[in-house]
Amino acid sequence: MLALGLDTSCYTTSAALCRADGLPRQERRLLPVAKGERGLRQSEAVFAHVRQLPQVLLPLLTENREKIDCVCASASPRDGEDSYMPVFQVGVSQGKALAAALNVPFFTTTHQRGHIAAAKYGTGLEASRFVALHLSGGTTDTLLIDGDALTPLGTSCDLHAGQLVDRIGVKLGLPFPAGPYLEELAVKGENKNRVPVSFEADGLRCHLSGAEAQLMRMVEADEARENVAAEVYGVLCRTVLRLVQAAAETSGVKDVLIAGGVASSRLLRNMLAERNEKRRTGLNLFFGRPEFSGDNAVGVALIGLHDLEICTKNKGQVSVHAAANQPTA
């Protein structure tokens, strides 16, 4: 079986073809952001997706010689009726049209579920029950995954991990999204853990706005750019490890999958692995492959395959997960 996945996020236009017995094939294109800006307004991003989605679909569809059995699109950022962003409607509308033209089922999921599915692919994490940490520009969420069930455990109360990276990066004159450029600076710098982490009493909720303020002051004081960048990754590493420790203690689960665009950083992965071992937390950390960690449609396509299998077993009935996430608008 072959599934086509679509994801139209605030950062990237993505499409992917996935089959159950082979490596995914994907195409992605970043949204165009002017130098010095920290992203696009939703209306601008929608227009960019309308223009770019055919461009990422064309190579996939022209090179593919197999029958596509279903189409799946991310319809919202996260689970929940209050989770909505206009950008995702581009993928939903074009996905519905493609599914109708191909006469195949159409499923929807969330951007967050897509990230987790993509990050888990090929990691060796076999457990169906695990803690996931989704680190991106819009999320710093710890979640308990139990089969198809997703339970929120913790989050950031203000700024998210990707926002911290992008805001400091843009302040340092780096392009947006700033992650790869900030990391390149950080490996040349020295992290002295000068920026403290901030948590609520339960350890499940963090604050990053204070760290942003202190890092901004360091930039304005003309401290070495590479040292400022290194301190960003230092505070992220300490914050992330405390978040997943609290989530593991709350859930009783030791397997932790770290997903999302921020998690694609090799520097952050190495820092987390080293600190986790040094602290002897007992956690088993799993990281998605870098190409499946940033915004992508691979996880969305994998979810489409999963829902198609359930639909087939139920003799044509759409799975509960797919039905629950069908857009109403």
Protein backbone atom coordinates (compact mmCIF):
# COMPACT_ATOMS: atom_id res chain seq x y z
CA MET A 1 0.00 0.00 0.00
CA LEU A 2 1.14 3.54 -0.77
CA ALA A 3 0.06 6.74 1.01
CA LEU A 4 0.50 10.37 0.01
CA GLY A 5 0.99 12.76 2.94
CA LEU A 6 0.66 16.57 2.92
CA ASP A 7 1.76 19.03 5.60
CA THR A 8 1.45 22.80 5.23
CA SER A 9 2.91 24.26 8.42
CA CYS A 10 4.02 27.74 9.42
CA TYR A 11 7.55 26.91 8.25
CA THR A 12 7.49 24.40 5.40
CA THR A 13 5.46 23.04 2.48
CA SER A 14 5.86 19.26 2.55
CA ALA A 15 4.69 16.18 0.67
CA ALA A 16 5.71 12.55 1.05
CA LEU A 17 4.99 9.11 -0.36
CA CYS A 18 5.28 6.22 2.10
CA ARG A 19 4.78 2.51 1.76
CA ALA A 20 4.71 0.01 4.60
CA ASP A 21 7.75 -1.92 3.35
CA GLY A 22 10.11 0.78 2.14
CA LEU A 23 11.84 4.10 2.82
CA PRO A 24 9.71 7.25 2.45
CA ARG A 25 10.19 9.63 -0.44
CA GLN A 26 9.66 13.27 0.45
CA GLU A 27 9.87 16.80 -0.97
CA ARG A 28 9.98 19.96 1.15
CA ARG A 29 10.31 23.68 0.59
CA LEU A 30 10.73 26.34 3.26
CA LEU A 31 8.32 29.26 3.21
CA PRO A 32 10.03 32.44 1.95
CA VAL A 33 10.82 34.82 4.84
CA ALA A 34 12.56 38.18 4.32
CA LYS A 35 15.85 38.79 6.11
CA GLY A 36 15.31 40.16 9.62
CA GLU A 37 11.75 38.82 9.85
CA ARG A 38 10.70 36.04 12.24
CA GLY A 39 8.12 34.34 10.05
CA LEU A 40 5.05 35.09 7.93
CA ARG A 41 1.53 36.18 8.77
CA GLN A 42 -1.01 33.40 8.28
CA SER A 43 -2.42 35.03 5.13
CA GLU A 44 1.08 35.27 3.61
CA ALA A 45 1.87 31.67 4.56
CA VAL A 46 -1.39 30.42 3.04
CA PHE A 47 -0.55 32.14 -0.25
CA ALA A 48 2.98 30.69 -0.18
CA HIS A 49 1.62 27.17 0.34
CA VAL A 50 -0.87 27.57 -2.51
CA ARG A 51 2.06 28.48 -4.76
CA GLN A 52 4.55 25.89 -3.41
CA LEU A 53 2.45 22.77 -2.84
CA PRO A 54 2.15 21.92 -6.57
CA GLN A 55 5.93 22.44 -6.83
CA VAL A 56 6.69 19.84 -4.13
CA LEU A 57 4.01 17.45 -5.38
CA LEU A 58 5.15 17.43 -9.01
CA PRO A 59 8.43 15.49 -8.52
CA LEU A 60 6.71 12.91 -6.30
CA LEU A 61 3.77 12.30 -8.60
CA THR A 62 5.70 12.29 -11.87
CA GLU A 63 8.40 9.88 -10.60
CA ASN A 64 5.93 7.54 -8.87
CA ARG A 65 4.75 4.56 -10.91
CA GLU A 66 2.65 2.89 -8.21
CA LYS A 67 -1.01 3.26 -7.37
CA ILE A 68 -1.64 5.68 -4.51
CA ASP A 69 -4.05 4.02 -2.07
CA CYS A 70 -4.91 6.97 0.19
CA VAL A 71 -4.18 10.64 0.90
CA CYS A 72 -3.63 12.08 4.37
CA ALA A 73 -3.15 15.73 5.39
CA SER A 74 -2.44 17.52 8.65
CA ALA A 75 -5.55 19.56 9.43
CA SER A 76 -4.52 21.32 12.66
CA PRO A 77 -1.48 21.90 14.87
CA ARG A 78 -2.52 19.55 17.71
CA ASP A 79 -5.44 17.46 18.95
CA GLY A 80 -8.42 19.42 20.26
CA GLU A 81 -11.31 21.40 18.84
CA ASP A 82 -9.59 24.70 19.73
CA SER A 83 -6.46 23.87 17.72
CA TYR A 84 -6.64 25.65 14.36
CA MET A 85 -4.40 27.50 11.92
CA PRO A 86 -5.45 28.57 8.40
CA VAL A 87 -2.20 27.29 6.84
CA PHE A 88 -3.25 23.68 7.27
CA GLN A 89 -6.37 24.18 5.18
CA VAL A 90 -4.19 24.40 2.06
CA GLY A 91 -3.05 20.81 2.51
CA VAL A 92 -6.56 19.68 3.47
CA SER A 93 -8.25 21.24 0.44
CA GLN A 94 -5.69 19.99 -2.08
CA GLY A 95 -5.58 16.59 -0.34
CA LYS A 96 -9.35 16.21 -0.62
CA ALA A 97 -9.22 17.10 -4.31
CA LEU A 98 -6.39 14.65 -5.02
CA ALA A 99 -8.15 11.85 -3.12
CA ALA A 100 -11.35 12.47 -5.07
CA ALA A 101 -9.48 12.48 -8.38
CA LEU A 102 -7.70 9.24 -7.45
CA ASN A 103 -10.91 7.73 -6.00
CA VAL A 104 -9.13 6.77 -2.76
CA PRO A 105 -9.85 7.46 0.95
CA PHE A 106 -8.86 10.79 2.47
CA PHE A 107 -7.71 11.00 6.10
CA THR A 108 -6.63 13.83 8.35
CA THR A 109 -4.33 13.99 11.35
CA THR A 110 -2.51 16.71 13.28
CA HIS A 111 0.86 18.31 12.64
CA GLN A 112 2.03 17.15 16.08
CA ARG A 113 1.05 13.53 15.51
CA GLY A 114 2.86 13.68 12.18
CA HIS A 115 6.04 14.86 13.89
CA ILE A 116 5.90 12.03 16.41
CA ALA A 117 5.22 9.35 13.77
CA ALA A 118 8.07 10.62 11.57
CA ALA A 119 10.51 10.84 14.48
CA LYS A 120 9.71 7.29 15.64
CA TYR A 121 10.28 5.82 12.18
CA GLY A 122 13.51 3.77 12.09
CA THR A 123 14.60 4.55 15.67
CA GLY A 124 14.21 1.05 17.05
CA LEU A 125 11.64 2.28 19.56
CA GLU A 126 9.25 -0.65 19.57
CA ALA A 127 7.13 0.24 22.60
CA SER A 128 3.60 1.47 21.90
CA ARG A 129 3.64 3.37 25.23
CA PHE A 130 6.29 6.06 25.56
CA VAL A 131 6.88 9.71 26.41
CA ALA A 132 7.28 12.10 23.46
CA LEU A 133 8.72 15.60 23.59
CA HIS A 134 7.74 17.79 20.64
CA LEU A 135 10.20 20.70 20.25
CA SER A 136 9.39 23.24 17.56
CA GLY A 137 8.52 26.86 16.92
CA GLY A 138 5.00 26.36 18.27
CA THR A 139 5.41 23.57 20.81
CA THR A 140 7.49 22.49 23.78
CA ASP A 141 5.12 19.69 24.73
CA THR A 142 5.65 16.49 26.68
CA LEU A 143 3.08 13.84 25.80
CA LEU A 144 2.26 10.29 26.85
CA ILE A 145 1.72 8.14 23.76
CA ASP A 146 -0.21 4.92 24.33
CA GLY A 147 -1.09 3.32 21.01
CA ASP A 148 -3.27 5.88 19.21
CA ALA A 149 -4.03 7.74 22.45
CA LEU A 150 -2.13 10.97 23.13
CA THR A 151 -2.22 12.58 26.60
CA PRO A 152 -0.60 16.00 27.24
CA LEU A 153 1.69 16.02 30.27
CA GLY A 154 3.56 19.32 30.20
CA THR A 155 4.47 22.33 28.12
CA SER A 156 6.03 25.79 28.10
CA CYS A 157 3.93 28.49 29.74
CA ASP A 158 5.21 31.24 27.44
CA LEU A 159 7.88 30.93 24.78
CA HIS A 160 8.56 27.72 22.87
CA ALA A 161 11.95 26.16 22.13
CA GLY A 162 11.94 27.01 18.43
CA GLN A 163 10.87 30.57 19.15
CA LEU A 164 13.83 31.00 21.49
CA VAL A 165 16.21 29.72 18.81
CA ASP A 166 14.70 31.90 16.07
CA ARG A 167 14.41 35.09 18.12
CA ILE A 168 18.00 34.96 19.32
CA GLY A 169 19.19 33.87 15.89
CA VAL A 170 17.46 36.73 14.09
CA LYS A 171 18.76 39.15 16.74
CA LEU A 172 22.25 37.92 15.89
CA GLY A 173 21.57 38.64 12.20
CA LEU A 174 20.98 35.04 11.12
CA PRO A 175 18.37 33.93 8.53
CA PHE A 176 14.98 32.54 9.56
CA PRO A 177 14.50 29.74 10.51
CA ALA A 178 17.70 30.21 12.48
CA GLY A 179 18.32 26.71 13.85
CA PRO A 180 21.10 25.42 11.53
CA TYR A 181 22.90 28.78 11.53
CA LEU A 182 22.71 29.21 15.30
CA GLU A 183 24.01 25.69 15.81
CA GLU A 184 26.93 26.40 13.49
CA LEU A 185 27.80 29.38 15.69
CA ALA A 186 27.23 27.49 18.93
CA VAL A 187 29.75 24.72 18.20
CA LYS A 188 32.44 27.43 18.08
CA GLY A 189 31.38 28.98 21.38
CA GLU A 190 31.58 28.20 25.08
CA ASN A 191 28.54 27.36 27.18
CA LYS A 192 28.99 28.19 30.86
CA ASN A 193 25.32 27.60 31.82
CA ARG A 194 24.93 31.26 32.70
CA VAL A 195 21.23 31.30 31.81
CA PRO A 196 19.08 29.61 34.49
CA VAL A 197 16.14 27.36 33.68
CA SER A 198 12.69 28.20 35.07
CA PHE A 199 9.94 25.72 36.03
CA GLU A 200 6.63 25.53 37.82
CA ALA A 201 6.62 23.47 41.01
CA ASP A 202 5.35 20.33 39.24
CA GLY A 203 8.37 20.27 36.92
CA LEU A 204 6.09 19.70 33.93
CA ARG A 205 5.72 23.34 32.92
CA CYS A 206 8.67 25.53 31.99
CA HIS A 207 9.24 29.22 31.21
CA LEU A 208 11.62 30.38 28.47
CA SER A 209 10.80 34.10 28.24
CA GLY A 210 13.22 34.90 31.06
CA ALA A 211 15.98 33.06 29.25
CA GLU A 212 15.15 35.03 26.10
CA ALA A 213 15.42 38.33 27.98
CA GLN A 214 18.82 37.43 29.44
CA LEU A 215 20.15 36.22 26.10
CA MET A 216 18.92 39.39 24.39
CA ARG A 217 20.84 41.43 26.97
CA MET A 218 23.96 39.42 26.18
CA VAL A 219 23.54 40.21 22.48
CA GLU A 220 23.02 43.91 23.20
CA ALA A 221 26.12 43.91 25.42
CA ASP A 222 28.13 42.74 22.38
CA GLU A 223 29.13 39.44 23.89
CA ALA A 224 30.73 37.01 21.45
CA ARG A 225 28.02 35.74 19.09
CA GLU A 226 29.23 32.15 19.32
CA ASN A 227 29.07 32.22 23.14
CA VAL A 228 25.52 33.57 23.08
CA ALA A 229 24.56 30.79 20.67
CA ALA A 230 26.19 28.20 22.92
CA GLU A 231 24.22 29.48 25.92
CA VAL A 232 20.96 29.03 23.94
CA TYR A 233 21.69 25.33 23.53
CA GLY A 234 22.83 25.08 27.13
CA VAL A 235 19.53 26.34 28.51
CA LEU A 236 17.56 24.20 26.04
CA CYS A 237 19.45 21.07 27.04
CA ARG A 238 18.85 21.58 30.77
CA THR A 239 15.21 22.51 30.23
CA VAL A 240 14.49 19.54 27.97
CA LEU A 241 16.05 17.00 30.29
CA ARG A 242 14.11 18.29 33.28
CA LEU A 243 10.87 18.23 31.28
CA VAL A 244 11.27 14.62 30.19
CA GLN A 245 12.41 13.53 33.65
CA ALA A 246 9.23 15.01 35.16
CA ALA A 247 7.09 13.42 32.43
CA ALA A 248 8.74 10.03 33.00
CA GLU A 249 8.18 10.23 36.74
CA THR A 250 4.53 11.19 36.23
CA SER A 251 3.82 8.45 33.69
CA GLY A 252 6.14 5.73 34.95
CA VAL A 253 7.57 5.39 31.42
CA LYS A 254 11.33 5.44 30.75
CA ASP A 255 11.34 5.43 26.92
CA VAL A 256 11.45 9.01 25.60
CA LEU A 257 11.19 10.07 21.94
CA ILE A 258 12.41 13.60 21.19
CA ALA A 259 10.82 15.02 18.03
CA GLY A 260 10.40 18.30 16.16
CA GLY A 261 12.56 20.72 14.24
CA VAL A 262 14.64 21.82 17.23
CA ALA A 263 15.40 18.14 17.93
CA SER A 264 17.14 17.85 14.54
CA SER A 265 20.14 19.68 16.02
CA ARG A 266 23.09 17.31 16.34
CA LEU A 267 24.59 19.57 18.99
CA LEU A 268 21.48 19.45 21.16
CA ARG A 269 21.21 15.66 20.74
CA ASN A 270 24.81 15.16 21.83
CA MET A 271 24.39 17.49 24.81
CA LEU A 272 21.22 15.70 25.92
CA ALA A 273 22.76 12.24 25.57
CA GLU A 274 25.86 13.30 27.52
CA ARG A 275 23.90 15.02 30.28
CA ASN A 276 21.42 12.13 30.52
CA GLU A 277 24.26 9.65 30.99
CA LYS A 278 26.11 11.87 33.44
CA ARG A 279 22.97 12.38 35.56
CA ARG A 280 22.12 8.65 35.44
CA THR A 281 18.44 9.39 34.95
CA GLY A 282 17.60 5.89 33.73
CA LEU A 283 15.82 7.37 30.71
CA ASN A 284 16.13 5.76 27.28
CA LEU A 285 16.37 8.67 24.84
CA PHE A 286 15.40 8.15 21.20
CA PHE A 287 15.94 10.75 18.48
CA GLY A 288 14.36 10.75 15.04
CA ARG A 289 16.56 10.89 11.99
CA PRO A 290 17.42 14.55 11.24
CA GLU A 291 15.61 14.48 7.87
CA PHE A 292 12.45 13.30 9.65
CA SER A 293 12.71 15.73 12.59
CA GLY A 294 11.97 19.09 10.99
CA ASP A 295 8.56 19.87 9.51
CA ASN A 296 7.78 17.10 7.05
CA ALA A 297 4.92 15.02 5.63
CA VAL A 298 6.50 11.60 6.24
CA GLY A 299 4.71 11.06 9.54
CA VAL A 300 1.43 12.25 8.02
CA ALA A 301 1.76 9.67 5.25
CA LEU A 302 2.63 6.93 7.78
CA ILE A 303 -0.51 7.82 9.73
CA GLY A 304 -2.47 7.61 6.48
CA LEU A 305 -1.15 4.07 6.00
CA HIS A 306 -2.15 3.18 9.56
CA ASP A 307 -5.66 4.56 9.10
CA LEU A 308 -6.03 2.81 5.75
CA GLU A 309 -5.14 -0.52 7.37
CA ILE A 310 -7.77 0.05 10.06
CA CYS A 311 -10.30 1.15 7.44
CA THR A 312 -9.64 -2.00 5.42
CA LYS A 313 -9.96 -4.26 8.48
CA ASN A 314 -13.23 -2.57 9.37
CA LYS A 315 -14.52 -3.15 5.85
CA GLY A 316 -14.53 0.46 4.78
CA GLN A 317 -15.24 2.21 8.06
CA VAL A 318 -12.97 5.23 8.69
CA SER A 319 -10.86 4.83 11.82
CA VAL A 320 -11.88 6.70 14.96
CA HIS A 321 -8.70 8.80 14.85
CA ALA A 322 -9.23 9.85 11.25
CA ALA A 323 -12.90 10.62 11.79
CA ALA A 324 -12.19 12.65 14.92
CA ASN A 325 -9.83 14.89 12.98
CA GLN A 326 -11.92 15.51 9.89
CA PRO A 327 -12.08 19.31 9.40
CA THR A 328 -15.40 20.99 9.93
CA ALA A 329 -14.67 24.07 7.89
